[in-house]
């Protein structure tokens, strides 16, 4: 198991544990936020695991991964990351977190489009067929 993935698991576990360690009142918004955080963290780690050695910070076309979560969503790490931030916003109820979310969403869309260009250039018709069968 690559060291980077282990670090990501530890960070996600730390984030999820904060939900239960930080003193707060459990309001409906916080409960919904906590559920979104937990589900999003699980999906993000699942997608990251399924991507395996194809994971890279910059867009690279090593292998066209189309199994698991990737069989439904082309960019599950980006999508679950955004939902994780939505959950964090709901849980911590800090308005400045919405500004971070407002910056992250266009960044993830830009990254996904850039990645799509790289994958289309390398895998051509196979990638275009995959795009037609998946969301974002």
C-alpha atoms as a PDB file:
ATOM      1  CA  UNK A   1       0.000   0.000   0.000  1.00  0.00           C
ATOM      2  CA  UNK A   2       1.599   3.302  -1.063  1.00  0.00           C
ATOM      3  CA  UNK A   3       2.628   5.664   1.736  1.00  0.00           C
ATOM      4  CA  UNK A   4       0.603   8.563   0.277  1.00  0.00           C
ATOM      5  CA  UNK A   5      -2.594   6.523   0.459  1.00  0.00           C
ATOM      6  CA  UNK A   6      -1.865   5.599   4.091  1.00  0.00           C
ATOM      7  CA  UNK A   7      -1.385   9.301   4.886  1.00  0.00           C
ATOM      8  CA  UNK A   8      -4.698  10.109   3.182  1.00  0.00           C
ATOM      9  CA  UNK A   9      -6.488   7.446   5.244  1.00  0.00           C
ATOM     10  CA  UNK A  10      -4.993   8.873   8.457  1.00  0.00           C
ATOM     11  CA  UNK A  11      -6.029  12.425   7.523  1.00  0.00           C
ATOM     12  CA  UNK A  12      -9.599  11.314   6.727  1.00  0.00           C
ATOM     13  CA  UNK A  13      -9.801   9.325   9.959  1.00  0.00           C
ATOM     14  CA  UNK A  14      -8.596  12.396  11.840  1.00  0.00           C
ATOM     15  CA  UNK A  15     -11.220  14.581  10.193  1.00  0.00           C
ATOM     16  CA  UNK A  16     -14.008  12.139  10.968  1.00  0.00           C
ATOM     17  CA  UNK A  17     -12.815  11.733  14.578  1.00  0.00           C
ATOM     18  CA  UNK A  18     -12.985  15.518  15.063  1.00  0.00           C
ATOM     19  CA  UNK A  19     -16.746  15.224  14.612  1.00  0.00           C
ATOM     20  CA  UNK A  20     -16.948  13.275  17.833  1.00  0.00           C
ATOM     21  CA  UNK A  21     -14.163  14.946  19.835  1.00  0.00           C
ATOM     22  CA  UNK A  22     -14.915  18.654  19.361  1.00  0.00           C
ATOM     23  CA  UNK A  23     -17.589  19.757  21.838  1.00  0.00           C
ATOM     24  CA  UNK A  24     -20.723  21.011  20.073  1.00  0.00           C
ATOM     25  CA  UNK A  25     -24.477  20.786  20.135  1.00  0.00           C
ATOM     26  CA  UNK A  26     -25.904  18.188  17.739  1.00  0.00           C
ATOM     27  CA  UNK A  27     -28.302  20.240  15.626  1.00  0.00           C
ATOM     28  CA  UNK A  28     -30.008  18.808  12.521  1.00  0.00           C
ATOM     29  CA  UNK A  29     -27.543  20.728  10.291  1.00  0.00           C
ATOM     30  CA  UNK A  30     -24.579  19.274  12.195  1.00  0.00           C
ATOM     31  CA  UNK A  31     -25.979  15.751  11.990  1.00  0.00           C
ATOM     32  CA  UNK A  32     -26.529  16.076   8.227  1.00  0.00           C
ATOM     33  CA  UNK A  33     -23.067  17.620   7.846  1.00  0.00           C
ATOM     34  CA  UNK A  34     -21.484  14.758   9.815  1.00  0.00           C
ATOM     35  CA  UNK A  35     -23.236  12.154   7.657  1.00  0.00           C
ATOM     36  CA  UNK A  36     -22.111  13.939   4.474  1.00  0.00           C
ATOM     37  CA  UNK A  37     -18.530  14.100   5.778  1.00  0.00           C
ATOM     38  CA  UNK A  38     -18.436  10.407   6.686  1.00  0.00           C
ATOM     39  CA  UNK A  39     -19.999   9.215   3.417  1.00  0.00           C
ATOM     40  CA  UNK A  40     -17.866  11.591   1.315  1.00  0.00           C
ATOM     41  CA  UNK A  41     -14.654  10.563   3.091  1.00  0.00           C
ATOM     42  CA  UNK A  42     -15.491   6.899   2.507  1.00  0.00           C
ATOM     43  CA  UNK A  43     -16.217   7.506  -1.185  1.00  0.00           C
ATOM     44  CA  UNK A  44     -13.085   9.611  -1.604  1.00  0.00           C
ATOM     45  CA  UNK A  45     -10.874   6.938  -0.064  1.00  0.00           C
ATOM     46  CA  UNK A  46     -12.610   4.195  -2.056  1.00  0.00           C
ATOM     47  CA  UNK A  47     -12.069   6.119  -5.305  1.00  0.00           C
ATOM     48  CA  UNK A  48      -8.465   6.858  -4.370  1.00  0.00           C
ATOM     49  CA  UNK A  49      -7.853   3.162  -3.620  1.00  0.00           C
ATOM     50  CA  UNK A  50      -9.490   2.058  -6.875  1.00  0.00           C
ATOM     51  CA  UNK A  51      -7.354   4.519  -8.824  1.00  0.00           C
ATOM     52  CA  UNK A  52      -4.250   2.844  -7.390  1.00  0.00           C
ATOM     53  CA  UNK A  53      -0.970   3.628  -9.149  1.00  0.00           C
ATOM     54  CA  UNK A  54      -2.821   5.813 -11.655  1.00  0.00           C
ATOM     55  CA  UNK A  55      -3.222   8.511  -8.985  1.00  0.00           C
ATOM     56  CA  UNK A  56      -1.303  11.711  -9.709  1.00  0.00           C
ATOM     57  CA  UNK A  57      -1.641  15.293  -8.569  1.00  0.00           C
ATOM     58  CA  UNK A  58      -1.315  16.544 -12.142  1.00  0.00           C
ATOM     59  CA  UNK A  59      -3.317  15.186 -15.065  1.00  0.00           C
ATOM     60  CA  UNK A  60      -1.589  12.095 -16.457  1.00  0.00           C
ATOM     61  CA  UNK A  61      -2.931   9.313 -18.636  1.00  0.00           C
ATOM     62  CA  UNK A  62      -1.430   6.141 -17.227  1.00  0.00           C
ATOM     63  CA  UNK A  63      -4.434   3.799 -17.350  1.00  0.00           C
ATOM     64  CA  UNK A  64      -8.112   4.419 -18.083  1.00  0.00           C
ATOM     65  CA  UNK A  65      -9.762   3.319 -14.825  1.00  0.00           C
ATOM     66  CA  UNK A  66     -13.428   2.422 -15.426  1.00  0.00           C
ATOM     67  CA  UNK A  67     -14.222  -0.010 -12.594  1.00  0.00           C
ATOM     68  CA  UNK A  68     -15.776   0.479  -9.180  1.00  0.00           C
ATOM     69  CA  UNK A  69     -16.851   4.030  -8.387  1.00  0.00           C
ATOM     70  CA  UNK A  70     -15.296   5.097 -11.700  1.00  0.00           C
ATOM     71  CA  UNK A  71     -17.901   3.050 -13.567  1.00  0.00           C
ATOM     72  CA  UNK A  72     -20.497   5.671 -12.556  1.00  0.00           C
ATOM     73  CA  UNK A  73     -18.527   8.904 -11.994  1.00  0.00           C
ATOM     74  CA  UNK A  74     -15.468   9.990 -14.006  1.00  0.00           C
ATOM     75  CA  UNK A  75     -14.081  12.169 -11.228  1.00  0.00           C
ATOM     76  CA  UNK A  76     -15.242  10.667  -7.915  1.00  0.00           C
ATOM     77  CA  UNK A  77     -12.315  12.165  -5.979  1.00  0.00           C
ATOM     78  CA  UNK A  78     -13.262  15.678  -7.104  1.00  0.00           C
ATOM     79  CA  UNK A  79     -16.983  15.125  -6.512  1.00  0.00           C
ATOM     80  CA  UNK A  80     -16.588  13.518  -3.087  1.00  0.00           C
ATOM     81  CA  UNK A  81     -14.065  16.208  -2.113  1.00  0.00           C
ATOM     82  CA  UNK A  82     -16.615  18.926  -2.868  1.00  0.00           C
ATOM     83  CA  UNK A  83     -19.316  17.075  -0.931  1.00  0.00           C
ATOM     84  CA  UNK A  84     -16.890  16.615   1.952  1.00  0.00           C
ATOM     85  CA  UNK A  85     -16.427  20.394   2.046  1.00  0.00           C
ATOM     86  CA  UNK A  86     -20.207  20.874   1.943  1.00  0.00           C
ATOM     87  CA  UNK A  87     -20.435  18.602   4.981  1.00  0.00           C
ATOM     88  CA  UNK A  88     -17.678  20.544   6.743  1.00  0.00           C
ATOM     89  CA  UNK A  89     -19.534  23.803   6.048  1.00  0.00           C
ATOM     90  CA  UNK A  90     -22.746  22.370   7.459  1.00  0.00           C
ATOM     91  CA  UNK A  91     -21.070  20.819  10.488  1.00  0.00           C
ATOM     92  CA  UNK A  92     -18.908  23.741  11.585  1.00  0.00           C
ATOM     93  CA  UNK A  93     -21.360  26.470  10.470  1.00  0.00           C
ATOM     94  CA  UNK A  94     -18.634  29.010   9.714  1.00  0.00           C
ATOM     95  CA  UNK A  95     -19.505  31.411   6.863  1.00  0.00           C
ATOM     96  CA  UNK A  96     -15.874  31.758   5.712  1.00  0.00           C
ATOM     97  CA  UNK A  97     -15.889  28.049   4.832  1.00  0.00           C
ATOM     98  CA  UNK A  98     -18.409  28.849   2.089  1.00  0.00           C
ATOM     99  CA  UNK A  99     -15.756  31.066   0.468  1.00  0.00           C
ATOM    100  CA  UNK A 100     -13.382  28.097   0.371  1.00  0.00           C
ATOM    101  CA  UNK A 101     -16.119  25.977  -1.175  1.00  0.00           C
ATOM    102  CA  UNK A 102     -16.811  28.714  -3.750  1.00  0.00           C
ATOM    103  CA  UNK A 103     -13.137  28.600  -4.752  1.00  0.00           C
ATOM    104  CA  UNK A 104     -12.832  24.807  -4.776  1.00  0.00           C
ATOM    105  CA  UNK A 105     -15.794  24.074  -7.066  1.00  0.00           C
ATOM    106  CA  UNK A 106     -14.477  26.013 -10.107  1.00  0.00           C
ATOM    107  CA  UNK A 107     -10.992  24.635  -9.442  1.00  0.00           C
ATOM    108  CA  UNK A 108     -12.293  21.054  -9.497  1.00  0.00           C
ATOM    109  CA  UNK A 109     -14.252  21.714 -12.694  1.00  0.00           C
ATOM    110  CA  UNK A 110     -11.100  23.144 -14.311  1.00  0.00           C
ATOM    111  CA  UNK A 111      -9.041  20.149 -13.139  1.00  0.00           C
ATOM    112  CA  UNK A 112     -11.658  17.705 -14.472  1.00  0.00           C
ATOM    113  CA  UNK A 113     -11.699  19.409 -17.889  1.00  0.00           C
ATOM    114  CA  UNK A 114      -7.917  19.423 -18.046  1.00  0.00           C
ATOM    115  CA  UNK A 115      -7.831  15.749 -17.098  1.00  0.00           C
ATOM    116  CA  UNK A 116     -10.464  14.992 -19.751  1.00  0.00           C
ATOM    117  CA  UNK A 117      -8.286  16.586 -22.451  1.00  0.00           C
ATOM    118  CA  UNK A 118      -5.280  14.488 -21.389  1.00  0.00           C
ATOM    119  CA  UNK A 119      -7.301  11.254 -21.271  1.00  0.00           C
ATOM    120  CA  UNK A 120      -9.005  11.990 -24.596  1.00  0.00           C
ATOM    121  CA  UNK A 121      -5.623  12.578 -26.239  1.00  0.00           C
ATOM    122  CA  UNK A 122      -4.239   9.266 -24.946  1.00  0.00           C
ATOM    123  CA  UNK A 123      -7.265   6.924 -25.055  1.00  0.00           C
ATOM    124  CA  UNK A 124      -9.390   8.506 -27.816  1.00  0.00           C
ATOM    125  CA  UNK A 125     -12.587   6.600 -28.615  1.00  0.00           C
ATOM    126  CA  UNK A 126     -12.358   4.426 -25.500  1.00  0.00           C
ATOM    127  CA  UNK A 127     -12.383   7.541 -23.314  1.00  0.00           C
ATOM    128  CA  UNK A 128     -15.180   9.196 -25.287  1.00  0.00           C
ATOM    129  CA  UNK A 129     -17.330   6.043 -24.900  1.00  0.00           C
ATOM    130  CA  UNK A 130     -16.556   6.009 -21.166  1.00  0.00           C
ATOM    131  CA  UNK A 131     -17.566   9.695 -20.902  1.00  0.00           C
ATOM    132  CA  UNK A 132     -20.951   8.968 -22.476  1.00  0.00           C
ATOM    133  CA  UNK A 133     -21.637   6.271 -19.858  1.00  0.00           C
ATOM    134  CA  UNK A 134     -20.632   8.254 -16.748  1.00  0.00           C
ATOM    135  CA  UNK A 135     -21.417  11.468 -14.882  1.00  0.00           C
ATOM    136  CA  UNK A 136     -18.934  14.331 -14.357  1.00  0.00           C
END
